[in-house]
Amino acid sequence: MQRYWSEARQLIRLASPILVAQVAQIAMNFVDTVMAGQVSAVDLAAVSVASSFWLPVILLVQGIIMALTPIVSQLNGARKRNEVRPAVHQAFWLALIVTPIAMLALYVSPLALQYMNVDPVMADKTAGYLHAILWGLPAFAMFQVLRNFSEGLSHTVPTMVIGFVGLAVNIPANYIFIHGHFGMPALGGVGCGVATAIVLWAMLLAMILYVKFSSHFRKIALFASLCRPNGSRIWRLFRLGFPIAMAIFCEVTLFTVVALMLAPFGAEIVASHQIALNFSSLVFMLPLSIGVGVTIRVGHSIGEGLPDHARVAARTGLMLGIAVAAGTAALTVLLREQIAAIYTEDMNVITLAALLLFFAAIYQISDSVQVIAAAALRGYKDTQAIFYITIVAYWGLGLPSGMILGLTDWVVPRMGPQGFWVGFIIGLTGAALMLGARLKVIYGRFATPLSLQAS
């Protein structure tokens, strides 16, 4: 048990800065929402619609680059720090390949608004936001490379520090470009896009300075010289990262599709669904942060040639995640009406949201298990399995069962939005079980002979 307690302390040390960084990101989103809403409802709606295009694209870019974390952590564990710099440089080259494609996707994405019966004024503002923010994508991609490099070396504090740098830049940049100050035009919601692009470049610059001058990274000399692109290594990095990106994409789009399917049920249903989803997303930051720590610890242990330690890290992460989820689930059930009341004063919406929050509480344990198990598999570099399991769980189990229960009378009388949330529970539970089973298989592949474990 002493090993598990020690590992738990290590995971908490790694996860805490990641959690704080995510809080800073939420604060930036909150600032964007409030400041755009101060201009007009149309500007606020434009920012919201633009985010539905922006978020999947950046998650795909982020997911591809996330492959760098287990690579660096395994090299670090194997005491092969001389190989870290070339690996990071190949990730930079991969980011340069992926970024123009992502920028093009964002540039043409407003064309979809023509088929969505969107108000022309809001459509123009949405397009303006996207065309402004896409210039921040190169900085976002490069920042993610440096972030995963740092986290792979078990240094998660820079992510937290730079998160607050972004927040500090975001507020005045929004003030200047939304309302038009210091000679800048008043751009309204489009100004949020300009401000966010500036924030992304500021965060990249801050991260470069941190990596260049921090004693933690001095021996690696990341910026001493640039390694030439290596096609085979870039391809291996892409093959490792693309399944991660697609798994994240499948999960995000599941919730997006359900939100669209609920639109015909009326504003109160949509609002209650959004409240429950927003709160569960906030709670999800806890196991997600633990998962980052698990990836680092598992990868480091595999690099050291200590698979038994990797199993301890994965199991500790799962136990810690279950314990946290059990606590948040209990609080969600007990305080679900008070939580809903934070978002709205409409009693009908509060009642509906409180009911959906009960379903959200049920799936928090499954959600915690699946995200931490997936994180452990990333530490083992077993990313293909994550992708396949995600597709089956979310799109083969979760969405179809939600549609059947929510929209038809085939199994039970039509449940409406509650049926889709039962579908979430089914999908996430299926993912947790399958990812857990896959993790047991990987344990066997990395088994350590007892004689070596004893030594």
Protein backbone atom coordinates (compact mmCIF):
# COMPACT_ATOMS: atom_id res chain seq x y z
CA MET A 1 0.00 0.00 0.00
CA GLN A 2 2.94 2.31 0.62
CA ARG A 3 3.76 2.23 -3.09
CA TYR A 4 0.20 3.24 -3.97
CA TRP A 5 0.17 6.11 -1.46
CA SER A 6 3.49 7.35 -2.81
CA GLU A 7 2.21 7.11 -6.38
CA ALA A 8 -0.98 8.96 -5.44
CA ARG A 9 1.10 11.84 -4.10
CA GLN A 10 3.08 11.93 -7.34
CA LEU A 11 -0.11 11.98 -9.43
CA ILE A 12 -1.64 14.77 -7.36
CA ARG A 13 1.57 16.79 -7.72
CA LEU A 14 1.44 16.41 -11.51
CA ALA A 15 -2.32 16.85 -11.87
CA SER A 16 -2.82 19.92 -9.68
CA PRO A 17 -1.14 22.45 -12.02
CA ILE A 18 -3.04 20.97 -14.99
CA LEU A 19 -6.31 21.45 -13.12
CA VAL A 20 -5.46 25.07 -12.31
CA ALA A 21 -4.51 25.67 -15.97
CA GLN A 22 -7.91 24.34 -17.04
CA VAL A 23 -9.58 26.72 -14.59
CA ALA A 24 -7.69 29.58 -16.26
CA GLN A 25 -8.94 28.38 -19.66
CA ILE A 26 -12.52 28.32 -18.40
CA ALA A 27 -12.03 31.82 -17.03
CA MET A 28 -10.93 32.99 -20.50
CA ASN A 29 -14.03 31.45 -22.08
CA PHE A 30 -16.16 33.09 -19.40
CA VAL A 31 -14.59 36.48 -20.11
CA ASP A 32 -15.24 36.07 -23.85
CA THR A 33 -18.87 35.18 -23.20
CA VAL A 34 -19.53 38.06 -20.80
CA MET A 35 -17.76 40.73 -22.83
CA ALA A 36 -19.35 39.66 -26.13
CA GLY A 37 -22.75 39.54 -24.43
CA GLN A 38 -22.30 43.14 -23.29
CA VAL A 39 -22.30 44.23 -26.94
CA SER A 40 -25.43 42.40 -28.13
CA ALA A 41 -27.17 39.03 -28.14
CA VAL A 42 -26.17 38.63 -31.82
CA ASP A 43 -22.49 39.04 -30.96
CA LEU A 44 -22.80 36.52 -28.13
CA ALA A 45 -24.57 34.04 -30.41
CA ALA A 46 -21.91 34.52 -33.09
CA VAL A 47 -19.13 33.70 -30.60
CA SER A 48 -21.06 30.62 -29.46
CA VAL A 49 -21.66 29.35 -33.01
CA ALA A 50 -18.05 30.04 -34.00
CA SER A 51 -16.85 28.03 -30.99
CA SER A 52 -18.73 24.99 -32.31
CA PHE A 53 -16.50 25.17 -35.42
CA TRP A 54 -13.31 26.20 -33.64
CA LEU A 55 -13.36 23.62 -30.83
CA PRO A 56 -13.32 20.41 -32.95
CA VAL A 57 -10.49 21.76 -35.10
CA ILE A 58 -8.21 22.69 -32.21
CA LEU A 59 -8.98 19.41 -30.45
CA LEU A 60 -7.87 17.51 -33.55
CA VAL A 61 -4.61 19.49 -33.65
CA GLN A 62 -4.11 19.07 -29.91
CA GLY A 63 -4.85 15.35 -30.03
CA ILE A 64 -2.31 14.69 -32.79
CA ILE A 65 0.42 16.50 -30.88
CA MET A 66 -0.48 14.77 -27.58
CA ALA A 67 1.48 11.77 -28.87
CA LEU A 68 4.62 13.65 -27.87
CA THR A 69 3.95 13.30 -24.12
CA PRO A 70 4.39 9.49 -23.88
CA ILE A 71 7.34 9.63 -26.28
CA VAL A 72 9.17 12.19 -24.14
CA SER A 73 8.19 10.53 -20.86
CA GLN A 74 9.49 7.14 -22.04
CA LEU A 75 12.74 8.67 -23.27
CA ASN A 76 13.09 10.51 -19.98
CA GLY A 77 12.47 7.33 -18.01
CA ALA A 78 15.03 5.47 -20.14
CA ARG A 79 17.63 8.20 -19.41
CA LYS A 80 17.79 9.00 -23.15
CA ARG A 81 17.48 12.75 -22.79
CA ASN A 82 19.76 13.25 -25.80
CA GLU A 83 16.91 11.86 -27.96
CA VAL A 84 14.27 14.21 -26.55
CA ARG A 85 15.29 17.25 -28.61
CA PRO A 86 15.08 15.46 -32.00
CA ALA A 87 11.67 14.01 -31.02
CA VAL A 88 10.35 17.47 -30.11
CA HIS A 89 11.69 18.96 -33.33
CA GLN A 90 9.87 16.32 -35.39
CA ALA A 91 6.71 17.30 -33.48
CA PHE A 92 7.34 20.90 -34.56
CA TRP A 93 7.57 19.77 -38.18
CA LEU A 94 4.36 17.77 -37.79
CA ALA A 95 2.64 20.84 -36.34
CA LEU A 96 3.76 22.86 -39.37
CA ILE A 97 2.19 20.24 -41.65
CA VAL A 98 -1.09 19.97 -39.76
CA THR A 99 -1.62 23.68 -39.07
CA PRO A 100 -2.24 24.93 -42.66
CA ILE A 101 -4.84 22.18 -43.14
CA ALA A 102 -6.58 23.22 -39.93
CA MET A 103 -6.43 26.89 -40.94
CA LEU A 104 -8.01 26.09 -44.30
CA ALA A 105 -10.76 24.10 -42.57
CA LEU A 106 -11.55 27.06 -40.34
CA TYR A 107 -11.45 29.49 -43.24
CA VAL A 108 -14.06 27.60 -45.29
CA SER A 109 -16.20 26.44 -42.33
CA PRO A 110 -18.49 29.53 -42.40
CA LEU A 111 -19.79 28.27 -45.75
CA ALA A 112 -21.79 25.71 -43.74
CA LEU A 113 -23.84 28.57 -42.27
CA GLN A 114 -25.49 29.07 -45.66
CA TYR A 115 -27.26 25.73 -45.19
CA MET A 116 -28.23 26.32 -41.54
CA ASN A 117 -30.74 29.14 -41.98
CA VAL A 118 -28.63 31.45 -39.82
CA ASP A 119 -29.37 35.18 -39.59
CA PRO A 120 -27.09 36.96 -42.14
CA VAL A 121 -25.75 39.45 -39.57
CA MET A 122 -24.86 36.67 -37.14
CA ALA A 123 -23.36 34.63 -40.00
CA ASP A 124 -21.09 37.55 -40.94
CA LYS A 125 -19.95 37.99 -37.34
CA THR A 126 -19.34 34.25 -37.00
CA ALA A 127 -17.25 34.21 -40.18
CA GLY A 128 -15.32 37.27 -38.99
CA TYR A 129 -14.55 35.58 -35.67
CA LEU A 130 -13.28 32.42 -37.37
CA HIS A 131 -11.23 34.30 -39.94
CA ALA A 132 -9.59 36.25 -37.12
CA ILE A 133 -8.91 33.42 -34.72
CA LEU A 134 -7.44 31.09 -37.35
CA TRP A 135 -4.28 33.22 -37.36
CA GLY A 136 -3.69 32.03 -33.81
CA LEU A 137 -3.65 28.37 -34.87
CA PRO A 138 0.11 28.23 -35.66
CA ALA A 139 0.86 29.58 -32.18
CA PHE A 140 -1.60 27.11 -30.62
CA ALA A 141 0.05 24.15 -32.36
CA MET A 142 3.58 25.20 -31.41
CA PHE A 143 2.49 25.88 -27.84
CA GLN A 144 1.04 22.38 -27.62
CA VAL A 145 4.38 20.91 -28.74
CA LEU A 146 6.22 22.77 -25.97
CA ARG A 147 3.50 21.94 -23.44
CA ASN A 148 3.69 18.21 -24.18
CA PHE A 149 7.48 18.36 -24.12
CA SER A 150 7.36 19.94 -20.66
CA GLU A 151 4.71 17.57 -19.34
CA GLY A 152 6.57 14.57 -20.75
CA LEU A 153 9.50 15.59 -18.52
CA SER A 154 7.06 15.65 -15.55
CA HIS A 155 7.01 19.47 -15.40
CA THR A 156 3.36 20.51 -15.40
CA VAL A 157 3.79 23.85 -13.61
CA PRO A 158 4.62 25.76 -16.84
CA THR A 159 1.19 24.86 -18.24
CA MET A 160 -0.41 26.45 -15.19
CA VAL A 161 1.77 29.57 -15.26
CA ILE A 162 1.22 30.17 -18.98
CA GLY A 163 -2.53 29.65 -18.52
CA PHE A 164 -2.62 32.71 -16.28
CA VAL A 165 -0.45 34.64 -18.72
CA GLY A 166 -3.15 33.97 -21.32
CA LEU A 167 -5.87 35.14 -18.96
CA ALA A 168 -3.93 38.33 -18.15
CA VAL A 169 -3.61 39.15 -21.86
CA ASN A 170 -7.16 38.07 -22.74
CA ILE A 171 -9.03 40.65 -20.66
CA PRO A 172 -7.35 43.83 -21.98
CA ALA A 173 -7.21 42.44 -25.54
CA ASN A 174 -10.96 41.80 -25.45
CA TYR A 175 -11.54 45.28 -24.05
CA ILE A 176 -9.52 46.87 -26.85
CA PHE A 177 -10.86 44.94 -29.84
CA ILE A 178 -14.47 44.35 -28.79
CA HIS A 179 -15.22 47.92 -27.77
CA GLY A 180 -12.63 49.78 -29.88
CA HIS A 181 -9.99 51.54 -27.76
CA PHE A 182 -6.49 52.94 -28.34
CA GLY A 183 -7.29 53.62 -31.98
CA MET A 184 -8.59 50.12 -32.73
CA PRO A 185 -12.01 49.63 -34.41
CA ALA A 186 -14.92 48.34 -32.32
CA LEU A 187 -15.33 44.81 -33.69
CA GLY A 188 -17.87 43.39 -31.24
CA GLY A 189 -17.88 39.58 -31.17
CA VAL A 190 -15.28 39.48 -33.95
CA GLY A 191 -12.95 41.24 -31.54
CA CYS A 192 -13.03 38.12 -29.35
CA GLY A 193 -11.48 36.20 -32.22
CA VAL A 194 -8.76 38.83 -32.69
CA ALA A 195 -8.08 38.87 -28.94
CA THR A 196 -7.88 35.07 -28.73
CA ALA A 197 -5.39 34.94 -31.61
CA ILE A 198 -3.21 37.49 -29.79
CA VAL A 199 -3.53 35.49 -26.55
CA LEU A 200 -2.34 32.31 -28.30
CA TRP A 201 0.77 34.08 -29.62
CA ALA A 202 1.43 35.59 -26.17
CA MET A 203 1.17 32.14 -24.57
CA LEU A 204 3.57 30.69 -27.14
CA LEU A 205 6.10 33.48 -26.53
CA ALA A 206 5.83 33.01 -22.76
CA MET A 207 6.32 29.25 -23.12
CA ILE A 208 9.37 29.71 -25.36
CA LEU A 209 10.94 32.02 -22.77
CA TYR A 210 10.10 29.60 -19.95
CA VAL A 211 11.66 26.63 -21.77
CA LYS A 212 14.70 28.63 -22.87
CA PHE A 213 15.62 30.07 -19.49
CA SER A 214 14.32 27.52 -16.96
CA SER A 215 16.97 25.34 -15.34
CA HIS A 216 14.72 22.30 -15.78
CA PHE A 217 15.24 22.31 -19.55
CA ARG A 218 18.73 23.79 -19.87
CA LYS A 219 20.55 20.49 -20.44
CA ILE A 220 18.29 19.54 -23.35
CA ALA A 221 19.08 22.81 -25.17
CA LEU A 222 15.88 22.59 -27.18
CA PHE A 223 16.58 25.71 -29.25
CA ALA A 224 20.31 25.17 -29.78
CA SER A 225 19.83 23.96 -33.37
CA LEU A 226 16.98 22.67 -35.49
CA CYS A 227 16.86 19.04 -36.58
CA ARG A 228 15.85 18.45 -40.19
CA PRO A 229 12.46 16.88 -40.86
CA ASN A 230 12.54 13.08 -40.82
CA GLY A 231 9.62 11.66 -42.79
CA SER A 232 9.53 8.29 -41.05
CA ARG A 233 9.67 9.79 -37.55
CA ILE A 234 7.02 12.37 -38.39
CA TRP A 235 4.81 9.60 -39.77
CA ARG A 236 5.28 7.49 -36.61
CA LEU A 237 4.37 10.50 -34.49
CA PHE A 238 1.28 11.12 -36.61
CA ARG A 239 0.24 7.45 -36.44
CA LEU A 240 0.50 7.60 -32.67
CA GLY A 241 -1.33 10.92 -32.32
CA PHE A 242 -4.07 10.64 -34.93
CA PRO A 243 -6.06 7.96 -33.04
CA ILE A 244 -5.90 10.17 -29.93
CA ALA A 245 -7.25 13.10 -31.93
CA MET A 246 -10.05 11.04 -33.45
CA ALA A 247 -11.03 9.58 -30.08
CA ILE A 248 -11.36 13.09 -28.64
CA PHE A 249 -13.22 14.22 -31.76
CA CYS A 250 -15.70 11.33 -31.52
CA GLU A 251 -16.47 12.13 -27.89
CA VAL A 252 -16.93 15.87 -28.49
CA THR A 253 -19.09 15.40 -31.58
CA LEU A 254 -21.32 12.92 -29.71
CA PHE A 255 -22.40 15.66 -27.30
CA THR A 256 -22.71 18.16 -30.17
CA VAL A 257 -24.98 15.85 -32.17
CA VAL A 258 -27.19 15.21 -29.14
CA ALA A 259 -27.53 18.95 -28.55
CA LEU A 260 -28.71 19.37 -32.15
CA MET A 261 -31.18 16.49 -31.80
CA LEU A 262 -32.67 18.09 -28.71
CA ALA A 263 -33.28 21.43 -30.46
CA PRO A 264 -36.82 20.48 -31.61
CA PHE A 265 -37.84 19.79 -27.99
CA GLY A 266 -37.84 23.53 -27.22
CA ALA A 267 -35.77 26.16 -25.48
CA GLU A 268 -36.35 24.89 -21.93
CA ILE A 269 -35.14 21.39 -22.78
CA VAL A 270 -32.10 22.72 -24.63
CA ALA A 271 -31.26 25.08 -21.74
CA SER A 272 -31.56 22.34 -19.10
CA HIS A 273 -29.40 20.02 -21.23
CA GLN A 274 -26.76 22.74 -21.61
CA ILE A 275 -26.70 23.39 -17.85
CA ALA A 276 -26.20 19.73 -16.98
CA LEU A 277 -23.60 19.32 -19.73
CA ASN A 278 -21.69 22.42 -18.71
CA PHE A 279 -21.52 21.36 -15.07
CA SER A 280 -20.48 17.80 -15.90
CA SER A 281 -17.77 19.24 -18.15
CA LEU A 282 -16.45 21.26 -15.20
CA VAL A 283 -16.39 18.16 -12.99
CA PHE A 284 -14.68 16.21 -15.80
CA MET A 285 -11.59 18.43 -15.40
CA LEU A 286 -10.69 16.51 -12.24
CA PRO A 287 -10.24 13.03 -13.77
CA LEU A 288 -8.86 14.61 -16.94
CA SER A 289 -6.08 16.23 -14.93
CA ILE A 290 -5.36 12.96 -13.14
CA GLY A 291 -5.21 11.31 -16.55
CA VAL A 292 -2.42 13.63 -17.69
CA GLY A 293 -0.41 12.60 -14.64
CA VAL A 294 -1.09 8.91 -15.34
CA THR A 295 0.19 9.22 -18.92
CA ILE A 296 3.40 10.82 -17.66
CA ARG A 297 3.96 8.30 -14.87
CA VAL A 298 3.18 5.23 -16.99
CA GLY A 299 5.37 6.43 -19.85
CA HIS A 300 8.25 7.23 -17.50
CA SER A 301 8.03 3.79 -15.84
CA ILE A 302 7.96 1.99 -19.19
CA GLY A 303 10.99 3.98 -20.28
CA GLU A 304 12.77 2.93 -17.09
CA GLY A 305 12.00 -0.70 -17.90
CA LEU A 306 9.76 -1.03 -14.84
CA PRO A 307 6.36 -2.23 -16.09
CA ASP A 308 5.37 -3.20 -12.56
CA HIS A 309 5.69 0.48 -11.59
CA ALA A 310 3.62 1.40 -14.64
CA ARG A 311 0.83 -0.89 -13.46
CA VAL A 312 0.96 0.71 -10.01
CA ALA A 313 0.69 4.16 -11.63
CA ALA A 314 -2.30 3.13 -13.76
CA ARG A 315 -4.10 1.40 -10.90
CA THR A 316 -3.43 4.29 -8.52
CA GLY A 317 -4.80 6.73 -11.07
CA LEU A 318 -7.94 4.65 -11.50
CA MET A 319 -8.51 4.34 -7.75
CA LEU A 320 -7.89 8.05 -7.22
CA GLY A 321 -10.24 8.90 -10.07
CA ILE A 322 -12.99 6.63 -8.75
CA ALA A 323 -12.67 8.14 -5.26
CA VAL A 324 -12.88 11.69 -6.64
CA ALA A 325 -15.80 10.78 -8.91
CA ALA A 326 -17.70 9.15 -6.04
CA GLY A 327 -17.37 12.37 -4.04
CA THR A 328 -18.40 14.67 -6.92
CA ALA A 329 -21.29 12.35 -7.83
CA ALA A 330 -22.64 12.44 -4.28
CA LEU A 331 -22.39 16.23 -4.18
CA THR A 332 -24.06 16.51 -7.58
CA VAL A 333 -27.04 14.43 -6.40
CA LEU A 334 -27.38 16.29 -3.12
CA LEU A 335 -26.98 19.79 -4.58
CA ARG A 336 -28.41 19.33 -8.08
CA GLU A 337 -31.19 21.91 -7.67
CA GLN A 338 -28.84 24.49 -6.16
CA ILE A 339 -26.37 23.86 -8.99
CA ALA A 340 -29.05 24.39 -11.62
CA ALA A 341 -30.16 27.60 -9.88
CA ILE A 342 -26.67 29.07 -10.40
CA TYR A 343 -27.30 29.07 -14.15
CA THR A 344 -30.91 30.29 -14.34
CA GLU A 345 -33.89 31.59 -12.36
CA ASP A 346 -36.46 29.79 -14.55
CA MET A 347 -38.05 27.15 -12.28
CA ASN A 348 -39.02 24.87 -15.17
CA VAL A 349 -35.46 24.85 -16.45
CA ILE A 350 -34.12 24.29 -12.91
CA THR A 351 -36.40 21.27 -12.45
CA LEU A 352 -35.42 19.74 -15.79
CA ALA A 353 -31.72 20.46 -15.28
CA ALA A 354 -31.81 18.94 -11.78
CA LEU A 355 -33.20 15.73 -13.28
CA LEU A 356 -30.46 15.61 -15.92
CA LEU A 357 -27.82 16.35 -13.28
CA PHE A 358 -28.92 13.15 -11.54
CA PHE A 359 -28.02 11.24 -14.72
CA ALA A 360 -24.75 13.20 -14.91
CA ALA A 361 -23.92 12.04 -11.38
CA ILE A 362 -24.48 8.40 -12.38
CA TYR A 363 -21.97 8.49 -15.23
CA GLN A 364 -19.23 10.40 -13.42
CA ILE A 365 -17.54 7.22 -12.18
CA SER A 366 -17.64 5.61 -15.64
CA ASP A 367 -16.39 8.85 -17.18
CA SER A 368 -13.51 8.97 -14.73
CA VAL A 369 -12.53 5.36 -15.38
CA GLN A 370 -12.63 5.71 -19.16
CA VAL A 371 -10.56 8.90 -19.33
CA ILE A 372 -7.89 7.61 -16.91
CA ALA A 373 -7.72 4.18 -18.55
CA ALA A 374 -7.29 5.90 -21.93
CA ALA A 375 -4.56 8.07 -20.42
CA ALA A 376 -2.74 4.98 -19.14
CA LEU A 377 -2.96 3.39 -22.59
CA ARG A 378 -1.44 6.56 -24.08
CA GLY A 379 1.45 6.12 -21.65
CA TYR A 380 1.94 2.63 -23.10
CA LYS A 381 1.64 4.16 -26.64
CA ASP A 382 -1.39 1.94 -27.28
CA THR A 383 -3.48 4.58 -29.04
CA GLN A 384 -5.14 2.58 -31.83
CA ALA A 385 -7.22 0.66 -29.28
CA ILE A 386 -8.46 3.93 -27.76
CA PHE A 387 -9.77 5.05 -31.14
CA TYR A 388 -11.58 1.80 -31.94
CA ILE A 389 -13.11 1.52 -28.47
CA THR A 390 -14.26 5.14 -28.57
CA ILE A 391 -16.07 4.66 -31.87
CA VAL A 392 -17.81 1.51 -30.65
CA ALA A 393 -18.72 2.93 -27.23
CA TYR A 394 -19.94 6.37 -28.26
CA TRP A 395 -21.24 5.88 -31.78
CA GLY A 396 -22.11 2.18 -31.61
CA LEU A 397 -23.63 2.12 -28.10
CA GLY A 398 -24.17 5.60 -26.66
CA LEU A 399 -25.77 7.50 -29.54
CA PRO A 400 -28.00 4.69 -30.91
CA SER A 401 -29.29 3.77 -27.44
CA GLY A 402 -29.90 7.45 -26.68
CA MET A 403 -31.84 7.89 -29.92
CA ILE A 404 -33.91 4.75 -29.31
CA LEU A 405 -34.76 5.71 -25.73
CA GLY A 406 -35.17 9.43 -26.41
CA LEU A 407 -37.02 9.45 -29.71
CA THR A 408 -38.89 6.14 -30.03
CA ASP A 409 -41.23 3.83 -28.09
CA TRP A 410 -39.35 0.68 -29.11
CA VAL A 411 -38.09 -0.25 -25.64
CA VAL A 412 -39.91 2.06 -23.22
CA PRO A 413 -42.23 5.04 -23.74
CA ARG A 414 -40.26 7.87 -25.34
CA MET A 415 -38.03 9.43 -22.67
CA GLY A 416 -37.05 12.62 -24.49
CA PRO A 417 -33.82 14.24 -23.23
CA GLN A 418 -33.53 11.76 -20.34
CA GLY A 419 -33.19 8.99 -22.92
CA PHE A 420 -30.14 10.64 -24.44
CA TRP A 421 -28.57 10.94 -21.00
CA VAL A 422 -29.17 7.26 -20.39
CA GLY A 423 -27.38 6.81 -23.71
CA PHE A 424 -24.44 8.80 -22.32
CA ILE A 425 -24.34 6.45 -19.32
CA ILE A 426 -24.40 3.38 -21.60
CA GLY A 427 -21.69 4.77 -23.89
CA LEU A 428 -19.36 5.89 -21.12
CA THR A 429 -19.83 2.68 -19.15
CA GLY A 430 -19.09 0.66 -22.29
CA ALA A 431 -15.96 2.73 -22.89
CA ALA A 432 -14.84 2.26 -19.27
CA LEU A 433 -15.29 -1.52 -19.42
CA MET A 434 -13.58 -1.92 -22.80
CA LEU A 435 -10.68 0.40 -22.01
CA GLY A 436 -10.23 -1.33 -18.64
CA ALA A 437 -10.15 -4.72 -20.39
CA ARG A 438 -7.64 -3.43 -22.90
CA LEU A 439 -5.48 -2.13 -20.08
CA LYS A 440 -5.41 -5.61 -18.51
CA VAL A 441 -4.23 -7.02 -21.85
CA ILE A 442 -1.44 -4.44 -21.98
CA TYR A 443 -0.44 -5.32 -18.40
CA GLY A 444 0.16 -8.86 -19.63
CA ARG A 445 2.25 -7.73 -22.60
CA PHE A 446 4.51 -5.68 -20.32
CA ALA A 447 4.71 -8.31 -17.57
CA THR A 448 7.92 -8.32 -15.58
CA PRO A 449 9.44 -11.63 -14.47
CA LEU A 450 9.10 -12.08 -10.72
CA SER A 451 12.85 -12.34 -10.33
CA LEU A 452 13.29 -8.88 -11.85
CA GLN A 453 10.42 -7.42 -9.82
CA ALA A 454 12.06 -8.74 -6.65
CA SER A 455 15.35 -7.15 -7.59
